[in-house]
Amino acid sequence: MPQLDTSTWFITIISTMITLFILFQLKLSSQTFPASPSPKIVATEKTKNPWELKWTKIYLPLLSHQQ
């Protein structure tokens, strides 16, 4: 049974990787990406909630004094 000649595998793998790298670089360089987004100033309107208009007191019934 003949032995497998692996002497050319290194150069084949390296040249394939270099070719793929170049192809991906060319593909990415042809893409057009949008400019960096600038922060959009949004005017948030403060809405008044019913519980913000009046003062409320929270009672803890378990901590009340026993008389």
C-alpha atoms as a PDB file:
ATOM      1  CA  MET A   1       0.000   0.000   0.000  1.00  0.00           C
ATOM      2  CA  PRO A   2       1.573   3.331  -1.032  1.00  0.00           C
ATOM      3  CA  GLN A   3       2.228   5.962   1.561  1.00  0.00           C
ATOM      4  CA  LEU A   4       0.426   9.289   1.442  1.00  0.00           C
ATOM      5  CA  ASP A   5       2.711  12.116   0.367  1.00  0.00           C
ATOM      6  CA  THR A   6       2.133  14.970   2.823  1.00  0.00           C
ATOM      7  CA  SER A   7       5.051  17.150   1.790  1.00  0.00           C
ATOM      8  CA  THR A   8       2.860  19.646  -0.090  1.00  0.00           C
ATOM      9  CA  TRP A   9       0.158  19.966   2.563  1.00  0.00           C
ATOM     10  CA  PHE A  10       1.829  22.816   4.428  1.00  0.00           C
ATOM     11  CA  ILE A  11       2.152  25.096   1.407  1.00  0.00           C
ATOM     12  CA  THR A  12      -1.380  24.188   0.277  1.00  0.00           C
ATOM     13  CA  ILE A  13      -2.936  25.046   3.636  1.00  0.00           C
ATOM     14  CA  ILE A  14      -0.922  28.266   4.006  1.00  0.00           C
ATOM     15  CA  SER A  15      -1.747  29.464   0.483  1.00  0.00           C
ATOM     16  CA  THR A  16      -5.434  28.641   1.014  1.00  0.00           C
ATOM     17  CA  MET A  17      -5.517  30.630   4.235  1.00  0.00           C
ATOM     18  CA  ILE A  18      -3.786  33.605   2.613  1.00  0.00           C
ATOM     19  CA  THR A  19      -6.183  33.488  -0.336  1.00  0.00           C
ATOM     20  CA  LEU A  20      -9.218  33.354   1.949  1.00  0.00           C
ATOM     21  CA  PHE A  21      -7.856  36.241   4.007  1.00  0.00           C
ATOM     22  CA  ILE A  22      -7.364  38.359   0.885  1.00  0.00           C
ATOM     23  CA  LEU A  23     -10.823  37.497  -0.433  1.00  0.00           C
ATOM     24  CA  PHE A  24     -12.482  38.419   2.857  1.00  0.00           C
ATOM     25  CA  GLN A  25     -10.528  41.680   3.018  1.00  0.00           C
ATOM     26  CA  LEU A  26     -11.622  42.573  -0.504  1.00  0.00           C
ATOM     27  CA  LYS A  27     -15.216  41.677   0.291  1.00  0.00           C
ATOM     28  CA  LEU A  28     -15.235  43.774   3.466  1.00  0.00           C
ATOM     29  CA  SER A  29     -13.507  46.732   1.841  1.00  0.00           C
ATOM     30  CA  SER A  30     -16.220  46.924  -0.815  1.00  0.00           C
ATOM     31  CA  GLN A  31     -18.938  47.205   1.839  1.00  0.00           C
ATOM     32  CA  THR A  32     -20.252  50.638   2.701  1.00  0.00           C
ATOM     33  CA  PHE A  33     -20.901  51.133   6.386  1.00  0.00           C
ATOM     34  CA  PRO A  34     -23.009  53.993   7.760  1.00  0.00           C
ATOM     35  CA  ALA A  35     -21.262  56.809   9.555  1.00  0.00           C
ATOM     36  CA  SER A  36     -20.982  56.586  13.304  1.00  0.00           C
ATOM     37  CA  PRO A  37     -24.358  57.438  14.792  1.00  0.00           C
ATOM     38  CA  SER A  38     -24.584  60.742  16.551  1.00  0.00           C
ATOM     39  CA  PRO A  39     -26.525  60.859  19.812  1.00  0.00           C
ATOM     40  CA  LYS A  40     -30.069  61.970  19.190  1.00  0.00           C
ATOM     41  CA  ILE A  41     -31.411  64.426  21.748  1.00  0.00           C
ATOM     42  CA  VAL A  42     -34.881  63.341  22.729  1.00  0.00           C
ATOM     43  CA  ALA A  43     -36.975  65.749  24.741  1.00  0.00           C
ATOM     44  CA  THR A  44     -38.665  63.593  27.331  1.00  0.00           C
ATOM     45  CA  GLU A  45     -41.771  65.094  28.762  1.00  0.00           C
ATOM     46  CA  LYS A  46     -42.181  64.574  32.485  1.00  0.00           C
ATOM     47  CA  THR A  47     -45.634  63.173  33.137  1.00  0.00           C
ATOM     48  CA  LYS A  48     -47.274  63.718  36.478  1.00  0.00           C
ATOM     49  CA  ASN A  49     -48.473  60.577  38.133  1.00  0.00           C
ATOM     50  CA  PRO A  50     -51.268  60.753  40.707  1.00  0.00           C
ATOM     51  CA  TRP A  51     -49.021  59.429  43.445  1.00  0.00           C
ATOM     52  CA  GLU A  52     -46.422  62.118  42.745  1.00  0.00           C
ATOM     53  CA  LEU A  53     -48.896  64.959  43.279  1.00  0.00           C
ATOM     54  CA  LYS A  54     -49.729  64.190  46.885  1.00  0.00           C
ATOM     55  CA  TRP A  55     -47.672  63.201  49.874  1.00  0.00           C
ATOM     56  CA  THR A  56     -48.366  59.735  51.129  1.00  0.00           C
ATOM     57  CA  LYS A  57     -47.197  58.111  54.301  1.00  0.00           C
ATOM     58  CA  ILE A  58     -46.419  54.431  54.440  1.00  0.00           C
ATOM     59  CA  TYR A  59     -47.402  52.731  57.660  1.00  0.00           C
ATOM     60  CA  LEU A  60     -45.926  49.460  58.760  1.00  0.00           C
ATOM     61  CA  PRO A  61     -48.701  47.707  60.676  1.00  0.00           C
ATOM     62  CA  LEU A  62     -46.422  45.021  62.080  1.00  0.00           C
ATOM     63  CA  LEU A  63     -44.207  47.608  63.757  1.00  0.00           C
ATOM     64  CA  SER A  64     -46.953  49.699  65.370  1.00  0.00           C
ATOM     65  CA  HIS A  65     -46.977  50.075  69.162  1.00  0.00           C
ATOM     66  CA  GLN A  66     -49.173  47.786  71.181  1.00  0.00           C
ATOM     67  CA  GLN A  67     -51.247  49.716  73.751  1.00  0.00           C
END
